[in-house]
Amino acid sequence: MQLAYALDLETRLLIVDDDPGIRELTAGFLSQHGHVVDTAAGGAEMREAMAAHDYALIVLDLMMPGEDGLTILRSLDRETGPAVILHSVIGEDVDRIVGLEMGADDYIAKPANPRELLARIRSVLRRSGDRPASGAPERSFLRFAGWRLDSVARQLYDPDNVIINLSDGEFRLLLALVERPRRVLTRDMLLDLSRGPMSEHFDRAIDVQMSRLRKKLARPGREELIRTIRNEGYMFVAEVTAK
């Protein structure tokens, strides 16, 4: 494990990859663009690094001997842990979708252009707010049909004030809908809003998340909150008010 390619910079990143050449090249490039960059050869070294430092984002290789990237991703706390960009030679859509459904923030295929990786990192960090370590931000609630969405704590409360568990992808998708009520949003728009414009577009990923989200929002005898607009996309039909 190698730590701290650059000192006293704003954002700390961790590169987890079993290929030492990729670790060194990636860390060297990112450190030249305003980041403190540490590296780890696998899950054990990653955990050692995380015990010593707080990371804003992890670039995680999927295909590693022993403990693979998906197993490592499953062990991370996706609510309070660092953002994760998956990095792998795997090109099948299903592998990317599985990673995203498990809570990864983005996916980039190897060999990655370093500038594209940097752009994706910046995009993910903008979306995640770089997870500030101190100072509690003001809580903000979006209310609709008796529900409350806490955009700061990333929690959804049903009309009975019960917290409904959402995956990272489901939360971002719901937030994109609630912030734009009574508007038709295409799948591409929802992908851009929930994953960022640098993400690769997979209609299936949105449809799977939408199906799960609808089930969590469904209540007997109540109107469906998300309507499918045939050949166009989806619309959040409830009136939304901010606290």
C-alpha atoms as a PDB file:
ATOM      1  CA  MET A   1       0.000   0.000   0.000  1.00  0.00           C
ATOM      2  CA  GLN A   2       1.262   3.455  -0.876  1.00  0.00           C
ATOM      3  CA  LEU A   3      -0.142   6.629   0.648  1.00  0.00           C
ATOM      4  CA  ALA A   4      -0.223  10.351  -0.068  1.00  0.00           C
ATOM      5  CA  TYR A   5       1.010  11.183  -3.536  1.00  0.00           C
ATOM      6  CA  ALA A   6       0.276  14.852  -2.787  1.00  0.00           C
ATOM      7  CA  LEU A   7      -0.022  16.798   0.444  1.00  0.00           C
ATOM      8  CA  ASP A   8      -2.487  19.290   1.891  1.00  0.00           C
ATOM      9  CA  LEU A   9      -4.888  19.145  -1.023  1.00  0.00           C
ATOM     10  CA  GLU A  10      -8.623  19.267  -0.692  1.00  0.00           C
ATOM     11  CA  THR A  11      -9.862  15.803  -1.662  1.00  0.00           C
ATOM     12  CA  ARG A  12      -8.453  12.396  -0.761  1.00  0.00           C
ATOM     13  CA  LEU A  13      -8.974   9.491  -3.168  1.00  0.00           C
ATOM     14  CA  LEU A  14      -8.141   5.780  -2.944  1.00  0.00           C
ATOM     15  CA  ILE A  15      -7.220   3.621  -5.958  1.00  0.00           C
ATOM     16  CA  VAL A  16      -7.846  -0.106  -5.358  1.00  0.00           C
ATOM     17  CA  ASP A  17      -6.355  -2.269  -8.117  1.00  0.00           C
ATOM     18  CA  ASP A  18      -4.178  -5.385  -8.175  1.00  0.00           C
ATOM     19  CA  ASP A  19      -2.174  -4.025 -11.138  1.00  0.00           C
ATOM     20  CA  PRO A  20       0.718  -1.923  -9.745  1.00  0.00           C
ATOM     21  CA  GLY A  21       1.232  -0.153 -13.067  1.00  0.00           C
ATOM     22  CA  ILE A  22      -2.361   1.046 -13.204  1.00  0.00           C
ATOM     23  CA  ARG A  23      -2.235   2.108  -9.555  1.00  0.00           C
ATOM     24  CA  GLU A  24       0.904   4.170 -10.065  1.00  0.00           C
ATOM     25  CA  LEU A  25      -0.138   5.800 -13.334  1.00  0.00           C
ATOM     26  CA  THR A  26      -3.666   6.613 -12.157  1.00  0.00           C
ATOM     27  CA  ALA A  27      -2.539   7.961  -8.799  1.00  0.00           C
ATOM     28  CA  GLY A  28       0.221  10.028 -10.390  1.00  0.00           C
ATOM     29  CA  PHE A  29      -2.165  11.652 -12.866  1.00  0.00           C
ATOM     30  CA  LEU A  30      -4.874  12.400 -10.311  1.00  0.00           C
ATOM     31  CA  SER A  31      -2.377  13.834  -7.841  1.00  0.00           C
ATOM     32  CA  GLN A  32      -1.331  16.363 -10.488  1.00  0.00           C
ATOM     33  CA  HIS A  33      -4.932  17.598 -10.649  1.00  0.00           C
ATOM     34  CA  GLY A  34      -5.565  18.637  -7.057  1.00  0.00           C
ATOM     35  CA  HIS A  35      -6.101  15.400  -5.133  1.00  0.00           C
ATOM     36  CA  VAL A  36      -4.364  13.466  -2.395  1.00  0.00           C
ATOM     37  CA  VAL A  37      -4.217   9.931  -3.803  1.00  0.00           C
ATOM     38  CA  ASP A  38      -3.526   6.699  -1.939  1.00  0.00           C
ATOM     39  CA  THR A  39      -3.371   3.218  -3.443  1.00  0.00           C
ATOM     40  CA  ALA A  40      -4.194  -0.319  -2.316  1.00  0.00           C
ATOM     41  CA  ALA A  41      -3.630  -3.681  -4.007  1.00  0.00           C
ATOM     42  CA  GLY A  42      -6.814  -5.271  -2.655  1.00  0.00           C
ATOM     43  CA  GLY A  43      -9.501  -5.358  -0.005  1.00  0.00           C
ATOM     44  CA  ALA A  44      -7.189  -5.863   2.981  1.00  0.00           C
ATOM     45  CA  GLU A  45      -4.979  -2.886   2.091  1.00  0.00           C
ATOM     46  CA  MET A  46      -8.066  -0.820   1.301  1.00  0.00           C
ATOM     47  CA  ARG A  47      -9.431  -1.400   4.812  1.00  0.00           C
ATOM     48  CA  GLU A  48      -6.085  -0.482   6.361  1.00  0.00           C
ATOM     49  CA  ALA A  49      -6.109   2.767   4.407  1.00  0.00           C
ATOM     50  CA  MET A  50      -9.725   3.508   5.344  1.00  0.00           C
ATOM     51  CA  ALA A  51      -8.928   2.944   9.021  1.00  0.00           C
ATOM     52  CA  ALA A  52      -6.219   5.609   8.750  1.00  0.00           C
ATOM     53  CA  HIS A  53      -7.934   8.188   6.508  1.00  0.00           C
ATOM     54  CA  ASP A  54     -11.326   9.458   5.376  1.00  0.00           C
ATOM     55  CA  TYR A  55     -11.778   9.184   1.612  1.00  0.00           C
ATOM     56  CA  ALA A  56     -14.142  11.140  -0.584  1.00  0.00           C
ATOM     57  CA  LEU A  57     -14.045   8.533  -3.354  1.00  0.00           C
ATOM     58  CA  ILE A  58     -12.680   5.075  -4.166  1.00  0.00           C
ATOM     59  CA  VAL A  59     -11.797   3.924  -7.692  1.00  0.00           C
ATOM     60  CA  LEU A  60     -12.376   0.175  -7.365  1.00  0.00           C
ATOM     61  CA  ASP A  61     -11.259  -2.541  -9.784  1.00  0.00           C
ATOM     62  CA  LEU A  62     -13.853  -5.285 -10.263  1.00  0.00           C
ATOM     63  CA  MET A  63     -11.631  -8.173 -11.361  1.00  0.00           C
ATOM     64  CA  MET A  64      -9.087  -8.888  -8.633  1.00  0.00           C
ATOM     65  CA  PRO A  65      -7.828 -12.243  -7.319  1.00  0.00           C
ATOM     66  CA  GLY A  66      -9.300 -13.389  -4.033  1.00  0.00           C
ATOM     67  CA  GLU A  67     -11.751 -10.733  -2.896  1.00  0.00           C
ATOM     68  CA  ASP A  68     -13.212  -9.214  -6.050  1.00  0.00           C
ATOM     69  CA  GLY A  69     -14.543  -5.711  -6.465  1.00  0.00           C
ATOM     70  CA  LEU A  70     -18.233  -6.576  -6.094  1.00  0.00           C
ATOM     71  CA  THR A  71     -17.535  -8.372  -2.812  1.00  0.00           C
ATOM     72  CA  ILE A  72     -15.599  -5.331  -1.584  1.00  0.00           C
ATOM     73  CA  LEU A  73     -18.381  -2.990  -2.734  1.00  0.00           C
ATOM     74  CA  ARG A  74     -20.954  -5.063  -0.840  1.00  0.00           C
ATOM     75  CA  SER A  75     -18.935  -4.615   2.364  1.00  0.00           C
ATOM     76  CA  LEU A  76     -18.912  -0.810   2.141  1.00  0.00           C
ATOM     77  CA  ASP A  77     -21.511   1.381   3.830  1.00  0.00           C
ATOM     78  CA  ARG A  78     -23.166   3.078   0.868  1.00  0.00           C
ATOM     79  CA  GLU A  79     -24.928   5.680   3.038  1.00  0.00           C
ATOM     80  CA  THR A  80     -21.987   7.073   4.994  1.00  0.00           C
ATOM     81  CA  GLY A  81     -18.999   5.653   3.127  1.00  0.00           C
ATOM     82  CA  PRO A  82     -17.048   7.183   0.259  1.00  0.00           C
ATOM     83  CA  ALA A  83     -18.357   7.399  -3.269  1.00  0.00           C
ATOM     84  CA  VAL A  84     -17.286   4.505  -5.521  1.00  0.00           C
ATOM     85  CA  ILE A  85     -16.396   4.388  -9.212  1.00  0.00           C
ATOM     86  CA  LEU A  86     -16.014   0.865 -10.566  1.00  0.00           C
ATOM     87  CA  HIS A  87     -13.094   0.293 -12.949  1.00  0.00           C
ATOM     88  CA  SER A  88     -12.863  -2.904 -14.980  1.00  0.00           C
ATOM     89  CA  VAL A  89     -12.185  -4.537 -18.332  1.00  0.00           C
ATOM     90  CA  ILE A  90     -15.613  -6.184 -18.088  1.00  0.00           C
ATOM     91  CA  GLY A  91     -17.753  -4.830 -20.895  1.00  0.00           C
ATOM     92  CA  GLU A  92     -21.047  -6.675 -20.435  1.00  0.00           C
ATOM     93  CA  ASP A  93     -24.005  -4.446 -19.600  1.00  0.00           C
ATOM     94  CA  VAL A  94     -25.218  -6.854 -16.907  1.00  0.00           C
ATOM     95  CA  ASP A  95     -21.949  -6.556 -14.960  1.00  0.00           C
ATOM     96  CA  ARG A  96     -22.119  -2.779 -15.014  1.00  0.00           C
ATOM     97  CA  ILE A  97     -25.776  -2.800 -14.005  1.00  0.00           C
ATOM     98  CA  VAL A  98     -25.104  -5.175 -11.089  1.00  0.00           C
ATOM     99  CA  GLY A  99     -22.401  -2.847  -9.797  1.00  0.00           C
ATOM    100  CA  LEU A 100     -24.604   0.222 -10.129  1.00  0.00           C
ATOM    101  CA  GLU A 101     -27.543  -1.539  -8.501  1.00  0.00           C
ATOM    102  CA  MET A 102     -25.283  -2.455  -5.571  1.00  0.00           C
ATOM    103  CA  GLY A 103     -24.685   1.238  -4.958  1.00  0.00           C
ATOM    104  CA  ALA A 104     -21.686   2.208  -7.081  1.00  0.00           C
ATOM    105  CA  ASP A 105     -21.802   5.850  -8.162  1.00  0.00           C
ATOM    106  CA  ASP A 106     -20.348   5.317 -11.632  1.00  0.00           C
ATOM    107  CA  TYR A 107     -18.555   2.817 -13.855  1.00  0.00           C
ATOM    108  CA  ILE A 108     -15.686   3.237 -16.280  1.00  0.00           C
ATOM    109  CA  ALA A 109     -14.164   0.545 -18.494  1.00  0.00           C
ATOM    110  CA  LYS A 110     -10.466  -0.242 -18.779  1.00  0.00           C
ATOM    111  CA  PRO A 111      -8.314   1.001 -20.295  1.00  0.00           C
ATOM    112  CA  ALA A 112      -9.665   4.346 -19.090  1.00  0.00           C
ATOM    113  CA  ASN A 113      -8.548   7.658 -20.493  1.00  0.00           C
ATOM    114  CA  PRO A 114      -7.135   9.423 -17.412  1.00  0.00           C
ATOM    115  CA  ARG A 115      -8.903  12.657 -18.323  1.00  0.00           C
ATOM    116  CA  GLU A 116     -12.249  10.865 -18.607  1.00  0.00           C
ATOM    117  CA  LEU A 117     -11.665   9.229 -15.218  1.00  0.00           C
ATOM    118  CA  LEU A 118     -10.853  12.647 -13.745  1.00  0.00           C
ATOM    119  CA  ALA A 119     -14.045  14.102 -15.262  1.00  0.00           C
ATOM    120  CA  ARG A 120     -16.114  11.261 -13.812  1.00  0.00           C
ATOM    121  CA  ILE A 121     -14.515  11.700 -10.390  1.00  0.00           C
ATOM    122  CA  ARG A 122     -15.304  15.408 -10.437  1.00  0.00           C
ATOM    123  CA  SER A 123     -18.876  14.708 -11.510  1.00  0.00           C
ATOM    124  CA  VAL A 124     -19.438  12.130  -8.746  1.00  0.00           C
ATOM    125  CA  LEU A 125     -17.903  14.414  -6.119  1.00  0.00           C
ATOM    126  CA  ARG A 126     -20.151  17.274  -7.210  1.00  0.00           C
ATOM    127  CA  ARG A 127     -23.206  15.039  -6.864  1.00  0.00           C
ATOM    128  CA  SER A 128     -22.171  13.659  -3.493  1.00  0.00           C
ATOM    129  CA  GLY A 129     -21.109  17.063  -2.139  1.00  0.00           C
ATOM    130  CA  ASP A 130     -17.779  15.472  -1.280  1.00  0.00           C
ATOM    131  CA  ARG A 131     -19.436  14.152   1.918  1.00  0.00           C
ATOM    132  CA  PRO A 132     -18.261  16.858   4.352  1.00  0.00           C
ATOM    133  CA  ALA A 133     -16.734  15.444   7.516  1.00  0.00           C
ATOM    134  CA  SER A 134     -17.940  18.110   9.908  1.00  0.00           C
ATOM    135  CA  GLY A 135     -20.677  20.680  10.262  1.00  0.00           C
ATOM    136  CA  ALA A 136     -24.238  19.438   9.891  1.00  0.00           C
ATOM    137  CA  PRO A 137     -25.966  21.041   6.911  1.00  0.00           C
ATOM    138  CA  GLU A 138     -29.435  22.454   7.267  1.00  0.00           C
ATOM    139  CA  ARG A 139     -32.062  19.760   6.815  1.00  0.00           C
ATOM    140  CA  SER A 140     -34.356  20.169   3.869  1.00  0.00           C
ATOM    141  CA  PHE A 141     -37.635  18.298   3.342  1.00  0.00           C
ATOM    142  CA  LEU A 142     -39.620  17.790   0.171  1.00  0.00           C
ATOM    143  CA  ARG A 143     -43.234  16.845   0.940  1.00  0.00           C
ATOM    144  CA  PHE A 144     -45.717  15.050  -1.300  1.00  0.00           C
ATOM    145  CA  ALA A 145     -48.934  13.098  -0.634  1.00  0.00           C
ATOM    146  CA  GLY A 146     -48.081  12.752   3.050  1.00  0.00           C
ATOM    147  CA  TRP A 147     -44.508  11.625   2.391  1.00  0.00           C
ATOM    148  CA  ARG A 148     -41.293  13.457   3.380  1.00  0.00           C
ATOM    149  CA  LEU A 149     -37.985  13.247   1.558  1.00  0.00           C
ATOM    150  CA  ASP A 150     -34.953  14.476   3.488  1.00  0.00           C
ATOM    151  CA  SER A 151     -32.476  15.453   0.789  1.00  0.00           C
ATOM    152  CA  VAL A 152     -29.665  16.020   3.312  1.00  0.00           C
ATOM    153  CA  ALA A 153     -29.962  12.856   5.410  1.00  0.00           C
ATOM    154  CA  ARG A 154     -31.069  10.977   2.260  1.00  0.00           C
ATOM    155  CA  GLN A 155     -34.076   9.461   4.031  1.00  0.00           C
ATOM    156  CA  LEU A 156     -37.645   8.888   2.913  1.00  0.00           C
ATOM    157  CA  TYR A 157     -40.511   8.897   5.444  1.00  0.00           C
ATOM    158  CA  ASP A 158     -43.881   7.403   4.536  1.00  0.00           C
ATOM    159  CA  PRO A 159     -47.220   8.953   5.674  1.00  0.00           C
ATOM    160  CA  ASP A 160     -46.941   6.969   8.940  1.00  0.00           C
ATOM    161  CA  ASN A 161     -43.498   8.507   9.585  1.00  0.00           C
ATOM    162  CA  VAL A 162     -41.744   5.186   8.940  1.00  0.00           C
ATOM    163  CA  ILE A 163     -38.364   5.365   7.202  1.00  0.00           C
ATOM    164  CA  ILE A 164     -38.387   3.558   3.857  1.00  0.00           C
ATOM    165  CA  ASN A 165     -35.009   2.107   2.948  1.00  0.00           C
ATOM    166  CA  LEU A 166     -33.749   3.249  -0.446  1.00  0.00           C
ATOM    167  CA  SER A 167     -30.631   2.246  -2.289  1.00  0.00           C
ATOM    168  CA  ASP A 168     -28.340   5.059  -3.434  1.00  0.00           C
ATOM    169  CA  GLY A 169     -29.662   4.714  -6.976  1.00  0.00           C
ATOM    170  CA  GLU A 170     -33.302   4.699  -5.855  1.00  0.00           C
ATOM    171  CA  PHE A 171     -32.765   7.815  -3.733  1.00  0.00           C
ATOM    172  CA  ARG A 172     -31.165   9.737  -6.596  1.00  0.00           C
ATOM    173  CA  LEU A 173     -33.870   8.670  -8.989  1.00  0.00           C
ATOM    174  CA  LEU A 174     -36.634   9.720  -6.581  1.00  0.00           C
ATOM    175  CA  LEU A 175     -34.927  13.052  -5.911  1.00  0.00           C
ATOM    176  CA  ALA A 176     -34.693  13.732  -9.653  1.00  0.00           C
ATOM    177  CA  LEU A 177     -38.441  13.066  -9.994  1.00  0.00           C
ATOM    178  CA  VAL A 178     -39.552  14.978  -6.892  1.00  0.00           C
ATOM    179  CA  GLU A 179     -37.513  18.040  -7.826  1.00  0.00           C
ATOM    180  CA  ARG A 180     -39.326  18.135 -11.202  1.00  0.00           C
ATOM    181  CA  PRO A 181     -42.951  17.210 -10.454  1.00  0.00           C
ATOM    182  CA  ARG A 182     -45.601  17.011 -13.166  1.00  0.00           C
ATOM    183  CA  ARG A 183     -43.005  17.046 -15.925  1.00  0.00           C
ATOM    184  CA  VAL A 184     -42.325  14.232 -18.375  1.00  0.00           C
ATOM    185  CA  LEU A 185     -38.755  13.007 -17.908  1.00  0.00           C
ATOM    186  CA  THR A 186     -37.246  10.696 -20.496  1.00  0.00           C
ATOM    187  CA  ARG A 187     -34.995   7.797 -19.502  1.00  0.00           C
ATOM    188  CA  ASP A 188     -31.959   9.711 -20.784  1.00  0.00           C
ATOM    189  CA  MET A 189     -32.906  12.734 -18.690  1.00  0.00           C
ATOM    190  CA  LEU A 190     -33.337  10.567 -15.593  1.00  0.00           C
ATOM    191  CA  LEU A 191     -29.980   8.893 -16.201  1.00  0.00           C
ATOM    192  CA  ASP A 192     -28.280  12.282 -16.511  1.00  0.00           C
ATOM    193  CA  LEU A 193     -30.044  13.662 -13.435  1.00  0.00           C
ATOM    194  CA  SER A 194     -29.467  10.630 -11.211  1.00  0.00           C
ATOM    195  CA  ARG A 195     -26.069   9.440 -12.465  1.00  0.00           C
ATOM    196  CA  GLY A 196     -24.557  12.510 -14.120  1.00  0.00           C
ATOM    197  CA  PRO A 197     -23.977  13.413 -17.782  1.00  0.00           C
ATOM    198  CA  MET A 198     -20.693  11.453 -17.888  1.00  0.00           C
ATOM    199  CA  SER A 199     -22.389   8.148 -17.049  1.00  0.00           C
ATOM    200  CA  GLU A 200     -23.057   5.538 -19.706  1.00  0.00           C
ATOM    201  CA  HIS A 201     -26.717   5.157 -20.550  1.00  0.00           C
ATOM    202  CA  PHE A 202     -28.511   1.931 -19.685  1.00  0.00           C
ATOM    203  CA  ASP A 203     -32.296   2.109 -20.015  1.00  0.00           C
ATOM    204  CA  ARG A 204     -32.596  -1.206 -18.205  1.00  0.00           C
ATOM    205  CA  ALA A 205     -30.900   0.187 -15.099  1.00  0.00           C
ATOM    206  CA  ILE A 206     -33.468   3.000 -14.869  1.00  0.00           C
ATOM    207  CA  ASP A 207     -36.373   0.619 -15.493  1.00  0.00           C
ATOM    208  CA  VAL A 208     -35.210  -1.787 -12.775  1.00  0.00           C
ATOM    209  CA  GLN A 209     -34.746   1.017 -10.252  1.00  0.00           C
ATOM    210  CA  MET A 210     -38.065   2.591 -11.252  1.00  0.00           C
ATOM    211  CA  SER A 211     -39.889  -0.701 -10.682  1.00  0.00           C
ATOM    212  CA  ARG A 212     -38.365  -1.085  -7.219  1.00  0.00           C
ATOM    213  CA  LEU A 213     -39.049   2.538  -6.330  1.00  0.00           C
ATOM    214  CA  ARG A 214     -42.700   2.261  -7.360  1.00  0.00           C
ATOM    215  CA  LYS A 215     -43.181  -0.775  -5.142  1.00  0.00           C
ATOM    216  CA  LYS A 216     -41.754   1.119  -2.162  1.00  0.00           C
ATOM    217  CA  LEU A 217     -44.037   4.097  -2.835  1.00  0.00           C
ATOM    218  CA  ALA A 218     -47.176   2.026  -3.437  1.00  0.00           C
ATOM    219  CA  ARG A 219     -49.979   2.249  -0.861  1.00  0.00           C
ATOM    220  CA  PRO A 220     -53.340   0.420  -1.118  1.00  0.00           C
ATOM    221  CA  GLY A 221     -56.143   2.644  -2.308  1.00  0.00           C
ATOM    222  CA  ARG A 222     -53.849   5.542  -3.191  1.00  0.00           C
ATOM    223  CA  GLU A 223     -52.965   6.946  -6.578  1.00  0.00           C
ATOM    224  CA  GLU A 224     -49.663   5.833  -8.031  1.00  0.00           C
ATOM    225  CA  LEU A 225     -47.115   8.627  -7.576  1.00  0.00           C
ATOM    226  CA  ILE A 226     -45.041   7.825 -10.674  1.00  0.00           C
ATOM    227  CA  ARG A 227     -46.842   7.550 -13.993  1.00  0.00           C
ATOM    228  CA  THR A 228     -45.457   5.979 -17.150  1.00  0.00           C
ATOM    229  CA  ILE A 229     -45.941   8.195 -20.197  1.00  0.00           C
ATOM    230  CA  ARG A 230     -45.978   5.824 -23.140  1.00  0.00           C
ATOM    231  CA  ASN A 231     -43.111   6.266 -25.609  1.00  0.00           C
ATOM    232  CA  GLU A 232     -41.867   9.271 -23.629  1.00  0.00           C
ATOM    233  CA  GLY A 233     -40.758   8.451 -20.094  1.00  0.00           C
ATOM    234  CA  TYR A 234     -42.018   9.009 -16.556  1.00  0.00           C
ATOM    235  CA  MET A 235     -43.850  11.722 -14.609  1.00  0.00           C
ATOM    236  CA  PHE A 236     -44.069  12.345 -10.853  1.00  0.00           C
ATOM    237  CA  VAL A 237     -47.716  13.301 -10.530  1.00  0.00           C
ATOM    238  CA  ALA A 238     -48.033  14.479  -6.912  1.00  0.00           C
ATOM    239  CA  GLU A 239     -47.771  18.101  -5.830  1.00  0.00           C
ATOM    240  CA  VAL A 240     -44.448  18.758  -4.097  1.00  0.00           C
ATOM    241  CA  THR A 241     -43.744  21.418  -1.491  1.00  0.00           C
ATOM    242  CA  ALA A 242     -40.466  22.340   0.184  1.00  0.00           C
ATOM    243  CA  LYS A 243     -40.123  22.890   3.929  1.00  0.00           C
END
